[in-house]
Amino acid sequence: MVLRARLDDGAKVFFGYAKNLSTSGIFIATVNPRGMGEQFDLELTLPAPSGLRIACRCEVAWQRPYSARSDLDPGMGLRFLALPEELAAALAAWVEGEDPPKD
């Protein structure tokens, strides 16, 4: 599954494709990854029926540059920073394939 992600550092907005999502972070496929250690705001919405909107600060934890010799997508691994507890619980439930917790 591919999710569309919006990254905003205050100076520019970038739209990328999220290809791997966990409770601790996300991989964004892009040929122009941000620099190691850069921090910015991330926003993404999980597909229906969840529709969960995740907005939090994140940090570039690793990069994979483009290589014509590799079958792997270029991009960057982002670590979630200060993901609100209720979002973390809902995301964990979604990752595990369960219904998100109700209020």
N, C-alpha and C. Protein backbone atom coordinates (compact mmCIF):
# COMPACT_ATOMS: atom_id res chain seq x y z
N MET A 1 0.83 -1.16 0.00
CA MET A 1 0.00 0.00 0.00
C MET A 1 0.89 1.24 0.00
N VAL A 2 0.43 2.26 -0.70
CA VAL A 2 1.18 3.51 -0.78
C VAL A 2 0.30 4.62 -0.23
N LEU A 3 0.87 5.41 0.68
CA LEU A 3 0.16 6.54 1.27
C LEU A 3 0.81 7.83 0.79
N ARG A 4 0.02 8.86 0.60
CA ARG A 4 0.57 10.15 0.23
C ARG A 4 0.89 10.92 1.51
N ALA A 5 2.09 11.47 1.58
CA ALA A 5 2.53 12.19 2.77
C ALA A 5 2.86 13.63 2.42
N ARG A 6 2.59 14.53 3.34
CA ARG A 6 2.91 15.94 3.18
C ARG A 6 3.94 16.31 4.23
N LEU A 7 5.07 16.87 3.80
CA LEU A 7 6.14 17.28 4.70
C LEU A 7 6.26 18.79 4.62
N ASP A 8 6.35 19.45 5.76
CA ASP A 8 6.41 20.91 5.79
C ASP A 8 7.47 21.35 6.78
N ASP A 9 8.49 22.08 6.28
CA ASP A 9 9.53 22.58 7.17
C ASP A 9 9.41 24.08 7.41
N GLY A 10 8.29 24.67 7.00
CA GLY A 10 8.08 26.10 7.18
C GLY A 10 8.52 26.90 5.97
N ALA A 11 9.50 26.42 5.22
CA ALA A 11 9.99 27.12 4.04
C ALA A 11 9.41 26.53 2.76
N LYS A 12 9.19 25.21 2.75
CA LYS A 12 8.66 24.57 1.56
C LYS A 12 7.84 23.34 1.97
N VAL A 13 6.95 22.97 1.08
CA VAL A 13 6.10 21.81 1.30
C VAL A 13 6.47 20.77 0.25
N PHE A 14 6.55 19.50 0.67
CA PHE A 14 6.94 18.39 -0.19
C PHE A 14 5.89 17.31 -0.07
N PHE A 15 5.50 16.75 -1.20
CA PHE A 15 4.59 15.62 -1.19
C PHE A 15 5.37 14.39 -1.65
N GLY A 16 5.29 13.32 -0.89
CA GLY A 16 6.00 12.09 -1.22
C GLY A 16 5.08 10.91 -1.01
N TYR A 17 5.61 9.72 -1.25
CA TYR A 17 4.83 8.50 -1.08
C TYR A 17 5.41 7.65 0.02
N ALA A 18 4.57 7.35 0.99
CA ALA A 18 4.96 6.52 2.12
C ALA A 18 4.77 5.06 1.73
N LYS A 19 5.83 4.28 1.88
CA LYS A 19 5.75 2.89 1.45
C LYS A 19 5.90 1.91 2.60
N ASN A 20 6.25 2.37 3.77
CA ASN A 20 6.42 1.49 4.92
C ASN A 20 6.12 2.32 6.16
N LEU A 21 5.18 1.88 6.95
CA LEU A 21 4.74 2.64 8.11
C LEU A 21 4.73 1.74 9.33
N SER A 22 5.28 2.26 10.43
CA SER A 22 5.24 1.53 11.70
C SER A 22 4.90 2.55 12.79
N THR A 23 4.84 2.09 14.01
CA THR A 23 4.53 2.98 15.11
C THR A 23 5.69 3.91 15.47
N SER A 24 6.89 3.61 14.97
CA SER A 24 8.04 4.46 15.30
C SER A 24 8.46 5.36 14.15
N GLY A 25 7.99 5.09 12.93
CA GLY A 25 8.40 5.92 11.82
C GLY A 25 7.83 5.47 10.49
N ILE A 26 8.39 6.04 9.43
CA ILE A 26 7.85 5.83 8.09
C ILE A 26 8.96 5.97 7.06
N PHE A 27 8.83 5.24 5.95
CA PHE A 27 9.75 5.40 4.83
C PHE A 27 9.04 6.20 3.75
N ILE A 28 9.67 7.27 3.28
CA ILE A 28 9.13 8.09 2.21
C ILE A 28 9.99 7.87 0.97
N ALA A 29 9.38 7.41 -0.12
CA ALA A 29 10.09 7.20 -1.37
C ALA A 29 10.23 8.53 -2.09
N THR A 30 11.47 8.91 -2.38
CA THR A 30 11.76 10.15 -3.09
C THR A 30 13.19 10.11 -3.61
N VAL A 31 13.42 10.74 -4.75
CA VAL A 31 14.78 10.82 -5.28
C VAL A 31 15.53 12.00 -4.66
N ASN A 32 14.81 12.84 -3.90
CA ASN A 32 15.42 14.00 -3.24
C ASN A 32 15.18 13.98 -1.73
N PRO A 33 15.80 13.04 -1.03
CA PRO A 33 15.56 12.97 0.42
C PRO A 33 16.14 14.19 1.14
N ARG A 34 15.54 14.52 2.26
CA ARG A 34 16.05 15.59 3.11
C ARG A 34 17.35 15.12 3.76
N GLY A 35 18.08 16.07 4.35
CA GLY A 35 19.36 15.74 4.97
C GLY A 35 19.21 14.98 6.28
N MET A 36 20.22 14.19 6.59
CA MET A 36 20.23 13.43 7.85
C MET A 36 20.03 14.38 9.03
N GLY A 37 19.17 13.99 9.95
CA GLY A 37 18.92 14.78 11.15
C GLY A 37 17.96 15.94 10.97
N GLU A 38 17.57 16.25 9.73
CA GLU A 38 16.61 17.35 9.53
C GLU A 38 15.29 17.00 10.19
N GLN A 39 14.65 18.01 10.76
CA GLN A 39 13.35 17.84 11.40
C GLN A 39 12.33 18.71 10.69
N PHE A 40 11.11 18.19 10.60
CA PHE A 40 10.03 18.94 9.96
C PHE A 40 8.70 18.28 10.34
N ASP A 41 7.60 18.93 9.97
CA ASP A 41 6.27 18.41 10.26
C ASP A 41 5.83 17.46 9.16
N LEU A 42 5.21 16.38 9.57
CA LEU A 42 4.70 15.36 8.66
C LEU A 42 3.19 15.27 8.85
N GLU A 43 2.48 15.11 7.73
CA GLU A 43 1.04 14.92 7.79
C GLU A 43 0.66 13.84 6.79
N LEU A 44 -0.10 12.86 7.24
CA LEU A 44 -0.61 11.84 6.33
C LEU A 44 -1.94 11.33 6.84
N THR A 45 -2.73 10.81 5.93
CA THR A 45 -4.03 10.25 6.28
C THR A 45 -4.06 8.80 5.84
N LEU A 46 -4.40 7.92 6.76
CA LEU A 46 -4.49 6.49 6.45
C LEU A 46 -5.71 6.24 5.57
N PRO A 47 -5.65 5.22 4.74
CA PRO A 47 -6.77 4.94 3.83
C PRO A 47 -8.03 4.52 4.58
N ALA A 48 -9.16 4.62 3.86
CA ALA A 48 -10.45 4.21 4.41
C ALA A 48 -10.38 2.71 4.72
N PRO A 49 -11.09 2.23 5.67
CA PRO A 49 -12.09 2.97 6.42
C PRO A 49 -11.54 3.76 7.60
N SER A 50 -10.26 3.62 7.90
CA SER A 50 -9.68 4.30 9.05
C SER A 50 -9.77 5.81 8.91
N GLY A 51 -9.15 6.35 7.87
CA GLY A 51 -9.15 7.80 7.67
C GLY A 51 -8.38 8.56 8.74
N LEU A 52 -7.62 7.84 9.57
CA LEU A 52 -6.87 8.48 10.65
C LEU A 52 -5.88 9.48 10.07
N ARG A 53 -5.91 10.71 10.57
CA ARG A 53 -4.97 11.74 10.14
C ARG A 53 -3.85 11.81 11.17
N ILE A 54 -2.62 11.64 10.70
CA ILE A 54 -1.45 11.70 11.58
C ILE A 54 -0.68 12.96 11.25
N ALA A 55 -0.44 13.75 12.26
CA ALA A 55 0.36 14.97 12.11
C ALA A 55 1.32 15.02 13.29
N CYS A 56 2.61 15.06 12.98
CA CYS A 56 3.60 15.12 14.05
C CYS A 56 4.93 15.62 13.50
N ARG A 57 5.83 15.88 14.39
CA ARG A 57 7.20 16.26 14.03
C ARG A 57 7.96 14.97 13.74
N CYS A 58 8.87 15.01 12.79
CA CYS A 58 9.68 13.84 12.49
C CYS A 58 11.11 14.26 12.17
N GLU A 59 11.99 13.26 12.10
CA GLU A 59 13.40 13.50 11.85
C GLU A 59 13.92 12.46 10.86
N VAL A 60 14.79 12.90 9.94
CA VAL A 60 15.40 11.97 8.99
C VAL A 60 16.39 11.10 9.75
N ALA A 61 16.12 9.80 9.80
CA ALA A 61 16.97 8.86 10.53
C ALA A 61 17.95 8.16 9.60
N TRP A 62 17.57 7.97 8.33
CA TRP A 62 18.45 7.34 7.35
C TRP A 62 18.00 7.70 5.94
N GLN A 63 18.91 7.51 4.98
CA GLN A 63 18.63 7.81 3.58
C GLN A 63 19.05 6.64 2.70
N ARG A 64 18.37 6.50 1.56
CA ARG A 64 18.78 5.54 0.55
C ARG A 64 18.82 6.31 -0.77
N PRO A 65 20.03 6.61 -1.28
CA PRO A 65 20.12 7.36 -2.53
C PRO A 65 19.68 6.52 -3.73
N TYR A 66 19.34 7.20 -4.80
CA TYR A 66 18.97 6.51 -6.03
C TYR A 66 20.17 5.76 -6.58
N SER A 67 19.92 4.55 -7.06
CA SER A 67 20.96 3.76 -7.72
C SER A 67 20.31 2.96 -8.84
N ALA A 68 20.82 3.13 -10.05
CA ALA A 68 20.28 2.38 -11.19
C ALA A 68 20.50 0.87 -11.02
N ARG A 69 21.41 0.48 -10.16
CA ARG A 69 21.73 -0.94 -9.94
C ARG A 69 20.88 -1.59 -8.84
N SER A 70 20.02 -0.80 -8.22
CA SER A 70 19.23 -1.32 -7.11
C SER A 70 17.75 -1.39 -7.48
N ASP A 71 17.08 -2.42 -6.97
CA ASP A 71 15.63 -2.54 -7.12
C ASP A 71 14.89 -1.81 -6.01
N LEU A 72 15.62 -1.32 -5.01
CA LEU A 72 15.02 -0.64 -3.87
C LEU A 72 14.73 0.82 -4.20
N ASP A 73 13.60 1.31 -3.72
CA ASP A 73 13.24 2.71 -3.93
C ASP A 73 14.19 3.63 -3.18
N PRO A 74 14.59 4.74 -3.81
CA PRO A 74 15.35 5.74 -3.08
C PRO A 74 14.42 6.47 -2.12
N GLY A 75 14.97 7.04 -1.08
CA GLY A 75 14.13 7.79 -0.15
C GLY A 75 14.78 7.99 1.19
N MET A 76 13.92 8.17 2.20
CA MET A 76 14.41 8.47 3.55
C MET A 76 13.53 7.80 4.58
N GLY A 77 14.16 7.35 5.65
CA GLY A 77 13.46 6.80 6.80
C GLY A 77 13.28 7.90 7.82
N LEU A 78 12.05 8.13 8.23
CA LEU A 78 11.74 9.18 9.20
C LEU A 78 11.36 8.58 10.54
N ARG A 79 11.86 9.17 11.60
CA ARG A 79 11.51 8.76 12.96
C ARG A 79 10.49 9.76 13.49
N PHE A 80 9.39 9.23 14.04
CA PHE A 80 8.39 10.11 14.65
C PHE A 80 8.95 10.69 15.94
N LEU A 81 8.72 11.98 16.13
CA LEU A 81 9.11 12.66 17.37
C LEU A 81 7.85 13.17 18.06
N ALA A 82 7.70 12.86 19.30
CA ALA A 82 6.58 13.35 20.10
C ALA A 82 5.22 13.07 19.45
N LEU A 83 5.04 11.84 18.98
CA LEU A 83 3.74 11.45 18.44
C LEU A 83 2.76 11.39 19.61
N PRO A 84 1.66 12.15 19.55
CA PRO A 84 0.71 12.14 20.66
C PRO A 84 0.25 10.71 20.98
N GLU A 85 0.07 10.44 22.26
CA GLU A 85 -0.26 9.10 22.74
C GLU A 85 -1.48 8.50 22.06
N GLU A 86 -2.54 9.29 21.88
CA GLU A 86 -3.76 8.77 21.26
C GLU A 86 -3.53 8.42 19.79
N LEU A 87 -2.69 9.20 19.10
CA LEU A 87 -2.36 8.87 17.71
C LEU A 87 -1.50 7.61 17.65
N ALA A 88 -0.56 7.49 18.57
CA ALA A 88 0.31 6.31 18.61
C ALA A 88 -0.52 5.05 18.82
N ALA A 89 -1.51 5.11 19.71
CA ALA A 89 -2.36 3.94 19.98
C ALA A 89 -3.21 3.60 18.75
N ALA A 90 -3.77 4.61 18.10
CA ALA A 90 -4.60 4.38 16.91
C ALA A 90 -3.75 3.84 15.77
N LEU A 91 -2.54 4.37 15.62
CA LEU A 91 -1.63 3.89 14.57
C LEU A 91 -1.22 2.45 14.84
N ALA A 92 -0.91 2.13 16.09
CA ALA A 92 -0.53 0.76 16.45
C ALA A 92 -1.67 -0.21 16.11
N ALA A 93 -2.90 0.19 16.40
CA ALA A 93 -4.05 -0.66 16.09
C ALA A 93 -4.19 -0.84 14.58
N TRP A 94 -3.98 0.23 13.82
CA TRP A 94 -4.09 0.14 12.36
C TRP A 94 -3.00 -0.77 11.79
N VAL A 95 -1.77 -0.60 12.27
CA VAL A 95 -0.65 -1.43 11.80
C VAL A 95 -0.92 -2.89 12.07
N GLU A 96 -1.53 -3.19 13.23
CA GLU A 96 -1.84 -4.57 13.60
C GLU A 96 -3.11 -5.08 12.93
N GLY A 97 -3.79 -4.22 12.17
CA GLY A 97 -4.99 -4.63 11.46
C GLY A 97 -6.24 -4.68 12.31
N GLU A 98 -6.23 -3.93 13.41
CA GLU A 98 -7.37 -3.90 14.31
C GLU A 98 -8.12 -2.59 14.13
N ASP A 99 -9.33 -2.54 14.67
CA ASP A 99 -10.07 -1.28 14.67
C ASP A 99 -9.39 -0.33 15.65
N PRO A 100 -9.28 0.97 15.28
CA PRO A 100 -8.67 1.91 16.20
C PRO A 100 -9.51 2.08 17.46
N PRO A 101 -8.84 2.47 18.59
CA PRO A 101 -9.58 2.66 19.84
C PRO A 101 -10.63 3.75 19.70
N LYS A 102 -11.76 3.57 20.35
CA LYS A 102 -12.83 4.57 20.34
C LYS A 102 -12.63 5.53 21.52
N ASP A 103 -13.11 6.77 21.33
CA ASP A 103 -13.02 7.77 22.42
C ASP A 103 -13.92 7.43 23.56
